[in-house]
Protein backbone atom coordinates (compact mmCIF):
# COMPACT_ATOMS: atom_id res chain seq x y z
CA LEU A 1 -16.90 -10.91 13.88
CA ASN A 2 -17.02 -8.65 16.98
CA LEU A 3 -15.73 -10.16 20.25
CA ASN A 4 -15.73 -8.70 23.70
CA SER A 5 -12.54 -10.51 24.74
CA THR A 6 -10.16 -13.00 23.13
CA THR A 7 -6.60 -14.24 23.68
CA SER A 8 -5.55 -12.58 20.35
CA THR A 9 -7.47 -11.58 17.19
CA MET A 10 -4.62 -13.20 15.21
CA ASP A 11 -5.33 -16.56 16.98
CA GLU A 12 -9.06 -16.19 16.34
CA ALA A 13 -8.45 -15.37 12.66
CA LYS A 14 -6.34 -18.49 12.17
CA LYS A 15 -9.13 -20.71 13.66
CA LYS A 16 -11.79 -19.05 11.47
CA ILE A 17 -9.80 -19.43 8.25
CA LYS A 18 -10.53 -23.20 8.50
CA GLU A 19 -14.27 -22.45 8.62
CA LEU A 20 -14.66 -19.55 6.26
CA SER A 21 -13.66 -19.29 2.63
CA SER A 22 -13.96 -15.51 2.25
CA ASN A 23 -12.40 -12.33 3.44
CA PHE A 24 -13.37 -11.36 6.98
CA VAL A 25 -12.36 -9.18 9.93
CA ILE A 26 -12.25 -9.95 13.66
CA ILE A 27 -12.50 -7.07 16.13
CA ALA A 28 -12.03 -7.43 19.88
CA ASN A 29 -12.57 -5.03 22.72
CA GLN A 30 -9.83 -6.73 24.79
CA GLN A 31 -7.03 -9.21 24.24
CA THR A 32 -5.52 -11.36 27.05
CA HIS A 33 -2.44 -12.41 25.09
CA GLY A 34 -2.05 -9.77 22.35
CA ARG A 35 1.28 -9.83 20.53
CA GLY A 36 3.49 -7.68 18.39
CA ARG A 37 6.49 -8.41 16.24
CA ARG A 38 9.14 -10.96 17.25
CA GLY A 39 6.87 -12.42 19.86
CA ASN A 40 6.68 -9.23 21.92
CA SER A 41 3.44 -8.79 23.91
CA TRP A 42 0.95 -6.09 23.02
CA ILE A 43 -0.78 -4.75 26.16
CA SER A 44 -4.48 -4.87 25.26
CA PRO A 45 -6.87 -3.44 27.85
CA PRO A 46 -10.52 -2.72 27.04
CA GLY A 47 -11.34 0.40 25.07
CA ASN A 48 -8.76 0.26 22.29
CA ILE A 49 -8.81 -1.20 18.81
CA TYR A 50 -7.59 -4.72 18.21
CA LEU A 51 -8.42 -6.29 14.83
CA SER A 52 -7.25 -8.84 12.33
CA LEU A 53 -8.22 -8.53 8.72
CA VAL A 54 -8.07 -11.74 6.66
CA LEU A 55 -7.68 -11.48 2.91
CA LYS A 56 -7.11 -13.97 0.11
CA ASN A 57 -3.63 -12.96 -0.92
CA ASP A 58 -2.94 -11.63 -4.37
CA PHE A 59 0.68 -10.50 -3.88
CA PRO A 60 3.81 -12.70 -4.19
CA ILE A 61 5.55 -13.15 -0.80
CA GLU A 62 8.29 -10.68 -1.62
CA GLN A 63 5.64 -7.99 -1.89
CA HIS A 64 3.88 -8.68 1.37
CA TYR A 65 5.26 -5.49 2.97
CA LEU A 66 2.75 -3.60 0.71
CA TYR A 67 0.00 -4.74 3.10
CA SER A 68 1.85 -2.92 5.89
CA ILE A 69 2.27 0.18 3.81
CA ILE A 70 -1.43 0.22 2.79
CA THR A 71 -2.53 -0.32 6.42
CA LEU A 72 -0.24 2.37 7.82
CA LEU A 73 -1.23 4.90 5.17
CA SER A 74 -4.92 4.09 5.74
CA ILE A 75 -4.52 4.86 9.49
CA LYS A 76 -2.69 8.13 8.67
CA LYS A 77 -5.41 9.20 6.20
CA THR A 78 -8.18 8.31 8.62
CA ILE A 79 -6.62 10.47 11.35
CA ASN A 80 -6.10 13.25 8.79
CA ASN A 81 -9.89 13.27 8.37
CA TYR A 82 -10.02 14.57 11.97
CA GLY A 83 -7.65 17.42 11.30
CA CYS A 84 -4.34 15.85 12.44
CA ASP A 85 -1.47 15.53 9.91
CA GLU A 86 1.42 14.73 12.30
CA ILE A 87 1.37 10.99 11.99
CA LEU A 88 4.70 9.28 11.26
CA PHE A 89 5.84 5.68 10.76
CA LYS A 90 8.78 3.93 12.29
CA TRP A 91 10.07 1.22 9.97
CA PRO A 92 8.91 -1.42 9.60
CA ASN A 93 5.40 -1.09 11.09
CA ASP A 94 4.91 1.21 14.09
CA ILE A 95 2.76 4.33 14.12
CA PHE A 96 3.74 7.50 16.02
CA PHE A 97 2.37 10.94 16.94
CA GLN A 98 4.96 13.47 18.14
CA ASP A 99 7.53 10.77 18.91
CA LYS A 100 5.05 8.72 20.88
CA LYS A 101 3.85 5.30 19.69
CA PHE A 102 0.20 4.58 19.47
CA GLY A 103 -0.18 1.67 17.12
CA GLY A 104 1.45 -1.22 15.22
CA VAL A 105 0.84 -3.66 12.41
CA LEU A 106 1.62 -7.34 12.25
CA ILE A 107 1.45 -9.32 8.99
CA GLU A 108 1.23 -13.15 8.80
CA ASN A 109 0.97 -15.36 5.75
CA ILE A 110 -1.19 -18.51 6.00
CA ASN A 111 -1.29 -21.44 3.56
CA GLN A 112 -4.52 -23.41 3.87
CA ASN A 113 -4.77 -26.95 2.47
CA ASN A 114 -1.70 -26.14 0.28
CA GLU A 115 -4.07 -24.27 -1.97
CA ASP A 116 -5.56 -21.09 -0.62
CA ASN A 117 -3.07 -18.48 0.39
CA TYR A 118 -4.25 -15.91 2.96
CA ILE A 119 -2.72 -12.81 4.58
CA ILE A 120 -3.66 -11.77 8.10
CA ILE A 121 -3.19 -8.13 8.92
CA GLY A 122 -3.15 -7.52 12.66
CA LEU A 123 -3.70 -3.97 13.78
CA GLY A 124 -3.43 -2.62 17.33
CA LEU A 125 -4.34 1.01 18.03
CA ASN A 126 -4.27 2.74 21.42
CA LEU A 127 -7.60 4.55 21.16
CA SER A 128 -8.54 5.46 24.73
CA SER A 129 -5.48 4.53 26.77
CA SER A 130 -1.83 3.62 26.44
CA PRO A 131 0.59 1.66 28.59
CA ASN A 132 3.46 3.25 30.53
CA LEU A 133 6.61 1.61 29.04
CA LYS A 134 10.29 2.14 29.96
CA ASN A 135 11.64 1.66 26.42
CA TYR A 136 9.60 4.42 24.72
CA ASN A 137 6.87 6.97 25.06
CA THR A 138 3.28 6.02 24.17
CA THR A 139 0.11 7.98 23.52
CA PHE A 140 -3.49 7.30 22.43
CA ILE A 141 -5.66 8.61 19.62
CA LYS A 142 -8.28 10.36 21.68
CA LYS A 143 -5.54 12.38 23.26
CA PHE A 144 -4.75 14.26 20.00
CA ILE A 145 -8.04 14.16 18.09
CA ASN A 146 -11.58 14.79 18.94
CA LEU A 147 -13.12 11.34 18.33
CA GLY A 148 -16.64 10.70 19.52
CA ASN A 149 -17.67 7.82 17.29
CA GLU A 150 -15.30 4.76 17.16
CA ILE A 151 -17.43 2.99 14.55
CA GLU A 152 -17.06 6.04 12.25
CA PHE A 153 -13.32 5.83 12.74
CA LEU A 154 -13.18 2.18 11.71
CA GLU A 155 -15.52 2.86 8.75
CA PHE A 156 -13.07 5.63 7.49
CA PHE A 157 -10.22 3.20 7.94
CA PHE A 158 -11.78 0.38 5.90
CA ILE A 159 -12.86 2.75 3.14
CA ASN A 160 -9.33 4.12 2.92
CA PHE A 161 -7.73 0.68 3.12
CA PHE A 162 -9.77 -0.92 0.29
CA LYS A 163 -9.41 2.15 -1.85
CA TYR A 164 -5.61 1.88 -1.59
CA LEU A 165 -5.74 -1.87 -2.08
CA ASN A 166 -8.02 -1.79 -5.10
CA ASN A 167 -5.98 0.91 -6.79
CA TYR A 168 -2.65 -0.68 -5.90
CA TYR A 169 -1.55 -1.65 -9.44
CA ASN A 170 -2.00 1.88 -10.76
CA THR A 171 -0.57 3.67 -7.70
CA LYS A 172 2.28 1.46 -6.36
CA LYS A 173 4.99 4.10 -7.02
CA LEU A 174 2.74 6.78 -5.44
CA LEU A 175 2.13 4.60 -2.34
CA PHE A 176 5.88 4.16 -1.69
CA THR A 177 6.44 7.93 -2.27
CA GLU A 178 3.65 8.76 0.18
CA PHE A 179 4.90 6.22 2.68
CA LYS A 180 8.55 7.46 2.59
CA LYS A 181 7.40 11.04 3.25
CA SER A 182 6.11 9.95 6.65
CA LEU A 183 9.11 7.75 7.67
CA MET A 184 10.91 8.62 10.87
CA PHE A 185 14.75 8.79 10.94
CA LEU A 186 15.24 8.89 7.14
CA ASN A 187 18.80 10.08 6.34
CA LYS A 188 19.68 9.74 10.05
CA LYS A 189 21.90 7.37 12.01
CA VAL A 190 19.92 4.40 13.29
CA ASN A 191 20.53 1.16 15.07
CA ILE A 192 18.71 -1.83 13.74
CA GLN A 193 18.15 -4.82 16.03
CA ILE A 194 18.56 -7.89 13.83
CA ASP A 195 17.79 -10.35 16.62
CA ASN A 196 18.39 -10.61 20.35
CA ASN A 197 22.18 -10.91 19.90
CA LYS A 198 22.93 -8.82 16.81
CA SER A 199 22.39 -5.23 15.70
CA ILE A 200 23.71 -2.98 12.95
CA THR A 201 24.25 0.73 12.89
CA GLY A 202 24.27 3.08 9.87
CA ILE A 203 22.49 5.79 7.96
CA PHE A 204 18.86 5.03 7.02
CA LYS A 205 18.93 5.96 3.30
CA ASP A 206 15.74 4.52 1.73
CA ILE A 207 13.46 1.54 1.51
CA GLU A 208 13.52 -0.67 -1.56
CA ASN A 209 10.57 -1.97 -3.62
CA GLU A 210 9.98 -4.97 -1.30
CA GLY A 211 10.01 -2.85 1.86
CA GLY A 212 13.49 -3.69 2.96
CA LEU A 213 15.49 -0.95 4.68
CA ILE A 214 18.54 0.39 2.86
CA LEU A 215 21.35 1.22 5.36
CA ASN A 216 24.55 3.02 4.54
CA LYS A 217 27.32 1.52 6.76
CA ASP A 218 30.89 2.69 6.24
CA ASN A 219 29.93 4.03 2.77
CA LYS A 220 28.61 0.63 1.71
């Protein structure tokens, strides 16, 4: 489904799950109430990519982070097609170019009628513009690659995504290895915001098989 404007593709996806019994994708040119993780807003002017991909879920809940890994790697590989290999990931689900954020992933699990289990993968990409934010630098894709055809970009993305997904059982270890190669701040001191009132500081050592971050704090 291709929409000119919507409150949020995630909201639209949840409505359509009740009507459709198959995998589908919703793409919007603009969102009026886009959101990121922990309820943060995602500024969504026209001209960028906002989509939600709905899939019948095959993974147990403890492995849902694999959807994030597959989505992030698919974006990196798609941009690599245009000659840029400087894409990095900030755990758990942000996408950066030269220390500037240009995208993010949001994963939600939906149980329908206590039977069908769906996963919604929300993807926001700054394609033609990016907001000016105080907290961190941003950029947009057309600033660092020569992209004339946006449909072609999405086609590359979906080809890469389903290739990774369909080969997951044979390539899980390789996926994690590839993902970790592109992680920012690995083996460096980081501060993790647990919630609005709590944070923890330590050395970012690794991620474990369910996507959780392994932090070394006071040698523990």
